[in-house]
Amino acid sequence: MSSYLFGIRQEMLDSRSFRSAGSERSDDMSLRSIRRAGIPYKREKMPVSVGIITVILFIAGGAILFAIWEDWNLFDGAYYSFITLSTIGFGDIVPGQSLGEGSQEKLIVCALYLLFGMALIAMCFKLMQDDVVRKARWLGQKIGILGKTF
């Protein structure tokens, strides 16, 4: 049987190929300690659509926040949120240019929004990646290019 599926090597469909050895060891150690403690464990799955909607809503919230606080239009607020949260950061639009009353508090809230947003987006992308890998593995098993894995 061919080891390629539409140009994708079989090893790429195995979730272990996507992760570093350290990440894998850390997950294994965590699962072992949970099992030893007798804590019930169930691997949660998040559909890709939920992850995309979560990211879009968070960026839309930032667009509204920056449109109100910085007197930007919604497009500029969404653009700034997306560019900053995706860590591209062109620097063409910067909050805090109009220092006024309460600007220190606004900058702190802005920093917290961005910090939380980066963590949220990283988490959503990781959960979406896990879902896509699980579906690719299922498809590979269905068409016979992957054997059953534990």
C-alpha atoms as a PDB file:
ATOM      1  CA  MET A   1       0.000   0.000   0.000  1.00  0.00           C
ATOM      2  CA  SER A   2       1.241   3.481  -0.753  1.00  0.00           C
ATOM      3  CA  SER A   3       2.678   5.533   2.082  1.00  0.00           C
ATOM      4  CA  TYR A   4       1.332   8.744   0.555  1.00  0.00           C
ATOM      5  CA  LEU A   5      -2.169  10.195   0.690  1.00  0.00           C
ATOM      6  CA  PHE A   6      -2.557  13.138  -1.667  1.00  0.00           C
ATOM      7  CA  GLY A   7       1.115  13.974  -1.197  1.00  0.00           C
ATOM      8  CA  ILE A   8       0.971  13.684   2.604  1.00  0.00           C
ATOM      9  CA  ARG A   9       3.235  11.052   4.091  1.00  0.00           C
ATOM     10  CA  GLN A  10       1.619   8.555   6.427  1.00  0.00           C
ATOM     11  CA  GLU A  11       3.797   9.704   9.322  1.00  0.00           C
ATOM     12  CA  MET A  12       2.312  13.192   9.014  1.00  0.00           C
ATOM     13  CA  LEU A  13      -1.132  11.790   9.764  1.00  0.00           C
ATOM     14  CA  ASP A  14       0.062  10.390  13.083  1.00  0.00           C
ATOM     15  CA  SER A  15      -0.457  12.999  15.812  1.00  0.00           C
ATOM     16  CA  ARG A  16       2.942  12.213  17.327  1.00  0.00           C
ATOM     17  CA  SER A  17       4.577  13.674  14.207  1.00  0.00           C
ATOM     18  CA  PHE A  18       3.119  17.089  14.990  1.00  0.00           C
ATOM     19  CA  ARG A  19       4.483  17.320  18.530  1.00  0.00           C
ATOM     20  CA  SER A  20       7.875  17.558  20.118  1.00  0.00           C
ATOM     21  CA  ALA A  21       9.211  14.769  22.290  1.00  0.00           C
ATOM     22  CA  GLY A  22       9.158  17.052  25.341  1.00  0.00           C
ATOM     23  CA  SER A  23       5.507  17.907  24.814  1.00  0.00           C
ATOM     24  CA  GLU A  24       4.661  14.246  24.421  1.00  0.00           C
ATOM     25  CA  ARG A  25       6.544  13.260  27.599  1.00  0.00           C
ATOM     26  CA  SER A  26       4.861  16.037  29.538  1.00  0.00           C
ATOM     27  CA  ASP A  27       1.411  14.863  28.422  1.00  0.00           C
ATOM     28  CA  ASP A  28       2.245  11.247  29.272  1.00  0.00           C
ATOM     29  CA  MET A  29       3.494  12.183  32.743  1.00  0.00           C
ATOM     30  CA  SER A  30       0.402  14.286  33.405  1.00  0.00           C
ATOM     31  CA  LEU A  31      -1.931  11.484  32.322  1.00  0.00           C
ATOM     32  CA  ARG A  32      -0.069   8.939  34.460  1.00  0.00           C
ATOM     33  CA  SER A  33      -0.297  11.114  37.566  1.00  0.00           C
ATOM     34  CA  ILE A  34      -4.017  11.716  36.956  1.00  0.00           C
ATOM     35  CA  ARG A  35      -4.650   7.981  36.566  1.00  0.00           C
ATOM     36  CA  ARG A  36      -2.606   7.171  39.698  1.00  0.00           C
ATOM     37  CA  ALA A  37      -4.637   9.648  41.717  1.00  0.00           C
ATOM     38  CA  GLY A  38      -7.827   7.954  40.528  1.00  0.00           C
ATOM     39  CA  ILE A  39      -9.209  11.133  38.982  1.00  0.00           C
ATOM     40  CA  PRO A  40     -11.644  10.404  36.142  1.00  0.00           C
ATOM     41  CA  TYR A  41     -10.201  11.650  32.866  1.00  0.00           C
ATOM     42  CA  LYS A  42     -11.926  12.351  29.584  1.00  0.00           C
ATOM     43  CA  ARG A  43     -10.199  13.974  26.616  1.00  0.00           C
ATOM     44  CA  GLU A  44     -12.297  16.931  25.517  1.00  0.00           C
ATOM     45  CA  LYS A  45     -12.723  17.773  21.849  1.00  0.00           C
ATOM     46  CA  MET A  46     -13.543  21.167  20.398  1.00  0.00           C
ATOM     47  CA  PRO A  47     -14.969  21.426  16.884  1.00  0.00           C
ATOM     48  CA  VAL A  48     -13.079  23.687  14.484  1.00  0.00           C
ATOM     49  CA  SER A  49     -16.189  25.843  14.025  1.00  0.00           C
ATOM     50  CA  VAL A  50     -16.315  26.655  17.757  1.00  0.00           C
ATOM     51  CA  GLY A  51     -12.658  27.697  17.709  1.00  0.00           C
ATOM     52  CA  ILE A  52     -13.117  29.932  14.676  1.00  0.00           C
ATOM     53  CA  ILE A  53     -16.238  31.558  16.148  1.00  0.00           C
ATOM     54  CA  THR A  54     -14.431  32.152  19.462  1.00  0.00           C
ATOM     55  CA  VAL A  55     -11.514  33.874  17.726  1.00  0.00           C
ATOM     56  CA  ILE A  56     -13.827  35.980  15.531  1.00  0.00           C
ATOM     57  CA  LEU A  57     -15.915  37.088  18.518  1.00  0.00           C
ATOM     58  CA  PHE A  58     -12.804  38.000  20.511  1.00  0.00           C
ATOM     59  CA  ILE A  59     -11.452  40.083  17.618  1.00  0.00           C
ATOM     60  CA  ALA A  60     -14.880  41.716  17.168  1.00  0.00           C
ATOM     61  CA  GLY A  61     -14.905  42.576  20.875  1.00  0.00           C
ATOM     62  CA  GLY A  62     -11.497  44.199  20.490  1.00  0.00           C
ATOM     63  CA  ALA A  63     -12.712  46.092  17.431  1.00  0.00           C
ATOM     64  CA  ILE A  64     -15.596  47.560  19.424  1.00  0.00           C
ATOM     65  CA  LEU A  65     -13.354  48.313  22.410  1.00  0.00           C
ATOM     66  CA  PHE A  66     -10.753  50.148  20.343  1.00  0.00           C
ATOM     67  CA  ALA A  67     -13.367  51.913  18.226  1.00  0.00           C
ATOM     68  CA  ILE A  68     -14.884  53.414  21.378  1.00  0.00           C
ATOM     69  CA  TRP A  69     -11.675  54.177  23.286  1.00  0.00           C
ATOM     70  CA  GLU A  70      -9.411  55.324  20.454  1.00  0.00           C
ATOM     71  CA  ASP A  71     -12.047  56.893  18.167  1.00  0.00           C
ATOM     72  CA  TRP A  72     -11.143  54.441  15.412  1.00  0.00           C
ATOM     73  CA  ASN A  73     -13.692  52.965  13.026  1.00  0.00           C
ATOM     74  CA  LEU A  74     -14.636  49.296  13.486  1.00  0.00           C
ATOM     75  CA  PHE A  75     -12.439  48.182  10.602  1.00  0.00           C
ATOM     76  CA  ASP A  76      -9.347  49.809  12.137  1.00  0.00           C
ATOM     77  CA  GLY A  77     -10.162  48.249  15.510  1.00  0.00           C
ATOM     78  CA  ALA A  78     -10.592  44.794  13.969  1.00  0.00           C
ATOM     79  CA  TYR A  79      -7.434  45.263  11.898  1.00  0.00           C
ATOM     80  CA  TYR A  80      -5.419  46.265  14.967  1.00  0.00           C
ATOM     81  CA  SER A  81      -6.810  43.367  17.022  1.00  0.00           C
ATOM     82  CA  PHE A  82      -6.088  40.784  14.327  1.00  0.00           C
ATOM     83  CA  ILE A  83      -2.611  42.069  13.459  1.00  0.00           C
ATOM     84  CA  THR A  84      -1.599  42.322  17.110  1.00  0.00           C
ATOM     85  CA  LEU A  85      -3.108  39.025  18.296  1.00  0.00           C
ATOM     86  CA  SER A  86      -1.571  37.162  15.368  1.00  0.00           C
ATOM     87  CA  THR A  87       1.796  38.646  16.478  1.00  0.00           C
ATOM     88  CA  ILE A  88       2.406  40.259  13.093  1.00  0.00           C
ATOM     89  CA  GLY A  89       2.392  43.754  14.598  1.00  0.00           C
ATOM     90  CA  PHE A  90       3.064  46.199  11.778  1.00  0.00           C
ATOM     91  CA  GLY A  91       2.953  49.192  14.125  1.00  0.00           C
ATOM     92  CA  ASP A  92       0.970  51.369  11.742  1.00  0.00           C
ATOM     93  CA  ILE A  93      -1.898  51.698  14.224  1.00  0.00           C
ATOM     94  CA  VAL A  94      -1.008  52.081  17.900  1.00  0.00           C
ATOM     95  CA  PRO A  95      -3.405  52.606  20.823  1.00  0.00           C
ATOM     96  CA  GLY A  96      -2.818  55.373  23.326  1.00  0.00           C
ATOM     97  CA  GLN A  97      -1.956  58.094  20.831  1.00  0.00           C
ATOM     98  CA  SER A  98      -4.537  60.438  22.292  1.00  0.00           C
ATOM     99  CA  LEU A  99      -3.551  60.585  25.944  1.00  0.00           C
ATOM    100  CA  GLY A 100      -6.525  61.816  27.858  1.00  0.00           C
ATOM    101  CA  GLU A 101      -8.439  61.209  31.030  1.00  0.00           C
ATOM    102  CA  GLY A 102      -8.163  57.602  32.209  1.00  0.00           C
ATOM    103  CA  SER A 103      -5.589  56.706  29.569  1.00  0.00           C
ATOM    104  CA  GLN A 104      -3.399  54.753  32.015  1.00  0.00           C
ATOM    105  CA  GLU A 105      -6.302  52.478  32.921  1.00  0.00           C
ATOM    106  CA  LYS A 106      -7.171  52.036  29.251  1.00  0.00           C
ATOM    107  CA  LEU A 107      -3.603  51.010  28.429  1.00  0.00           C
ATOM    108  CA  ILE A 108      -3.636  48.443  31.242  1.00  0.00           C
ATOM    109  CA  VAL A 109      -6.959  47.001  30.037  1.00  0.00           C
ATOM    110  CA  CYS A 110      -5.592  46.997  26.475  1.00  0.00           C
ATOM    111  CA  ALA A 111      -2.484  45.083  27.587  1.00  0.00           C
ATOM    112  CA  LEU A 112      -4.626  42.562  29.484  1.00  0.00           C
ATOM    113  CA  TYR A 113      -6.915  42.148  26.450  1.00  0.00           C
ATOM    114  CA  LEU A 114      -3.912  41.429  24.235  1.00  0.00           C
ATOM    115  CA  LEU A 115      -2.243  39.085  26.726  1.00  0.00           C
ATOM    116  CA  PHE A 116      -5.437  37.103  27.302  1.00  0.00           C
ATOM    117  CA  GLY A 117      -6.182  37.159  23.567  1.00  0.00           C
ATOM    118  CA  MET A 118      -2.839  35.650  22.608  1.00  0.00           C
ATOM    119  CA  ALA A 119      -3.365  32.846  25.112  1.00  0.00           C
ATOM    120  CA  LEU A 120      -6.945  32.298  23.903  1.00  0.00           C
ATOM    121  CA  ILE A 121      -5.931  32.166  20.249  1.00  0.00           C
ATOM    122  CA  ALA A 122      -3.050  29.772  20.962  1.00  0.00           C
ATOM    123  CA  MET A 123      -5.412  27.503  22.901  1.00  0.00           C
ATOM    124  CA  CYS A 124      -8.074  27.592  20.167  1.00  0.00           C
ATOM    125  CA  PHE A 125      -5.521  26.804  17.448  1.00  0.00           C
ATOM    126  CA  LYS A 126      -4.130  23.893  19.474  1.00  0.00           C
ATOM    127  CA  LEU A 127      -7.594  22.437  20.092  1.00  0.00           C
ATOM    128  CA  MET A 128      -8.537  22.888  16.423  1.00  0.00           C
ATOM    129  CA  GLN A 129      -5.277  21.203  15.387  1.00  0.00           C
ATOM    130  CA  ASP A 130      -6.052  18.238  17.650  1.00  0.00           C
ATOM    131  CA  ASP A 131      -9.501  17.920  16.051  1.00  0.00           C
ATOM    132  CA  VAL A 132      -8.103  18.050  12.505  1.00  0.00           C
ATOM    133  CA  VAL A 133      -5.409  15.460  13.332  1.00  0.00           C
ATOM    134  CA  ARG A 134      -8.040  13.180  14.896  1.00  0.00           C
ATOM    135  CA  LYS A 135     -10.223  13.461  11.771  1.00  0.00           C
ATOM    136  CA  ALA A 136      -7.243  12.878   9.447  1.00  0.00           C
ATOM    137  CA  ARG A 137      -6.280   9.769  11.446  1.00  0.00           C
ATOM    138  CA  TRP A 138      -9.881   8.499  11.304  1.00  0.00           C
ATOM    139  CA  LEU A 139      -9.956   9.059   7.526  1.00  0.00           C
ATOM    140  CA  GLY A 140      -6.589   7.323   7.109  1.00  0.00           C
ATOM    141  CA  GLN A 141      -7.871   4.309   9.048  1.00  0.00           C
ATOM    142  CA  LYS A 142     -11.108   4.220   7.049  1.00  0.00           C
ATOM    143  CA  ILE A 143      -9.353   4.138   3.679  1.00  0.00           C
ATOM    144  CA  GLY A 144      -6.752   1.675   4.931  1.00  0.00           C
ATOM    145  CA  ILE A 145      -3.487   3.616   4.870  1.00  0.00           C
ATOM    146  CA  LEU A 146      -3.183   3.712   8.669  1.00  0.00           C
ATOM    147  CA  GLY A 147      -3.479   0.807  11.048  1.00  0.00           C
ATOM    148  CA  LYS A 148      -5.414   0.998  14.283  1.00  0.00           C
ATOM    149  CA  THR A 149      -3.584   3.003  16.922  1.00  0.00           C
ATOM    150  CA  PHE A 150      -4.153   2.943  20.634  1.00  0.00           C
END
